[in-house]
Each structure stands twice: as C-alpha cells, then as structure tokens.
Amino acid sequence: MLMLITYDVSTIDEKGKTRLRKIAKECVNYGQRVQNSVFEINTDYSTILKLKNKLLKIMDSKYDSIRFYHIGNNWAKKVEHYGVKTSYNAEDLLLV
C-alpha cells in the first residue's frame, strides 16, 4: 500500500530543527523523498502504523503538523508526475 506523508515542522529554535531532522530520517528509512517535506512510503499496513507512531512521538503538536494520505494499492492510476525530477516506480527495489 502506498502512503504519502507530508510534514511542516517549526524550526524557529534548535528543538524544532532537531525534530525536523528526526522526522526526515525516519521517513527516509521507510520510503522515498519526492519533495522537501513529502515522502512516498510503499509498505504493508503494520509498518505504516509503526512509522506513524514514531513520527507522532517526535513531533510537537503545538508547533508542527504531519499529514498521512492513504493512496492504497492501486496507486499507479492515482499518481501523476510532471516536471524536473524523474519519477520512480514505488514497487521497484529501494536501496538504502
């Protein structure tokens, strides 16, 4: 199943910058960065729940926001890409 994760973390202080790095690092561990604060994660539902729990523990809900978009298994018909960055196949092998 494909999930799109977007986040906005307040970086007005060092704690915010640390949260931003931690959130980005967790997302990189599970998927592909498609824009600065946007990741595509293609995995099973239990792994998504585990990642979601980690991210919600890192964020500060007074200053930050995270959005989870459940694209599903039929994602190829729902995602269109235009512009400079080449698209990738979320079902191909992902090397970390």
Protein backbone atom coordinates (compact mmCIF):
# COMPACT_ATOMS: atom_id res chain seq x y z
CA MET A 1 0.00 0.00 0.00
CA LEU A 2 1.27 3.46 -0.84
CA MET A 3 1.12 6.28 1.68
CA LEU A 4 2.08 9.90 1.17
CA ILE A 5 3.46 11.63 4.27
CA THR A 6 3.81 15.41 4.42
CA TYR A 7 5.01 17.46 7.34
CA ASP A 8 5.63 21.01 8.44
CA VAL A 9 7.93 21.42 11.43
CA SER A 10 8.57 24.75 13.12
CA THR A 11 12.31 25.46 13.05
CA ILE A 12 12.40 28.73 14.99
CA ASP A 13 14.58 27.08 17.64
CA GLU A 14 17.10 24.22 17.90
CA LYS A 15 14.48 21.79 19.23
CA GLY A 16 12.43 22.31 16.08
CA LYS A 17 15.46 21.77 13.85
CA THR A 18 16.19 18.54 15.73
CA ARG A 19 12.57 17.37 15.31
CA LEU A 20 12.73 18.15 11.58
CA ARG A 21 15.89 16.06 11.14
CA LYS A 22 14.45 13.17 13.16
CA ILE A 23 11.18 13.12 11.20
CA ALA A 24 13.01 13.25 7.87
CA LYS A 25 15.39 10.48 8.96
CA GLU A 26 12.52 8.20 9.97
CA CYS A 27 10.76 8.80 6.65
CA VAL A 28 13.96 8.13 4.66
CA ASN A 29 14.26 4.80 6.48
CA TYR A 30 10.90 3.70 5.05
CA GLY A 31 10.47 5.36 1.68
CA GLN A 32 11.41 7.86 -0.99
CA ARG A 33 11.60 11.64 -0.61
CA VAL A 34 9.67 13.18 -3.51
CA GLN A 35 9.83 16.80 -2.32
CA ASN A 36 11.45 18.56 0.64
CA SER A 37 8.86 17.55 3.23
CA VAL A 38 6.98 14.91 1.24
CA PHE A 39 7.65 11.17 1.25
CA GLU A 40 6.11 8.22 -0.55
CA ILE A 41 6.11 5.08 1.56
CA ASN A 42 5.19 1.77 -0.10
CA THR A 43 4.85 -0.95 2.52
CA ASP A 44 2.35 -3.01 4.48
CA TYR A 45 -0.18 -1.55 6.89
CA SER A 46 1.55 -2.70 10.09
CA THR A 47 4.80 -0.97 9.07
CA ILE A 48 2.88 2.20 8.31
CA LEU A 49 1.32 2.10 11.78
CA LYS A 50 4.76 1.66 13.35
CA LEU A 51 6.14 4.63 11.39
CA LYS A 52 3.10 6.74 12.22
CA ASN A 53 3.60 6.07 15.95
CA LYS A 54 7.28 7.05 15.72
CA LEU A 55 6.52 10.28 13.88
CA LEU A 56 3.74 11.30 16.26
CA LYS A 57 6.09 10.80 19.21
CA ILE A 58 8.75 13.01 17.61
CA MET A 59 6.50 15.91 16.57
CA ASP A 60 5.33 18.70 18.86
CA SER A 61 1.62 19.13 18.13
CA LYS A 62 1.73 22.73 19.40
CA TYR A 63 4.06 23.77 16.57
CA ASP A 64 4.24 21.00 13.94
CA SER A 65 1.88 19.13 11.65
CA ILE A 66 2.01 15.81 9.84
CA ARG A 67 -0.45 14.57 7.23
CA PHE A 68 -0.88 10.93 6.16
CA TYR A 69 -2.52 10.28 2.78
CA HIS A 70 -3.55 6.67 2.20
CA ILE A 71 -3.16 6.22 -1.56
CA GLY A 72 -3.67 2.46 -1.41
CA ASN A 73 -2.61 -0.46 -3.58
CA ASN A 74 -3.92 0.91 -6.88
CA TRP A 75 -1.62 3.94 -6.65
CA ALA A 76 -0.31 3.86 -10.25
CA LYS A 77 -3.67 5.16 -11.53
CA LYS A 78 -3.84 7.87 -8.83
CA VAL A 79 -0.39 9.49 -9.11
CA GLU A 80 0.68 11.79 -11.95
CA HIS A 81 4.11 13.40 -12.10
CA TYR A 82 5.30 16.36 -14.22
CA GLY A 83 8.45 18.42 -14.02
CA VAL A 84 12.14 18.23 -13.39
CA LYS A 85 12.57 15.29 -11.01
CA THR A 86 12.16 11.98 -12.71
CA SER A 87 9.50 9.76 -11.26
CA TYR A 88 10.27 6.32 -9.85
CA ASN A 89 8.37 3.08 -9.53
CA ALA A 90 7.45 2.64 -5.86
CA GLU A 91 7.33 -1.13 -6.33
CA ASP A 92 10.91 -1.39 -7.63
CA LEU A 93 13.81 -2.32 -5.38
CA LEU A 94 14.71 0.51 -2.98
CA LEU A 95 18.33 0.61 -1.85
CA VAL A 96 19.04 2.38 1.41
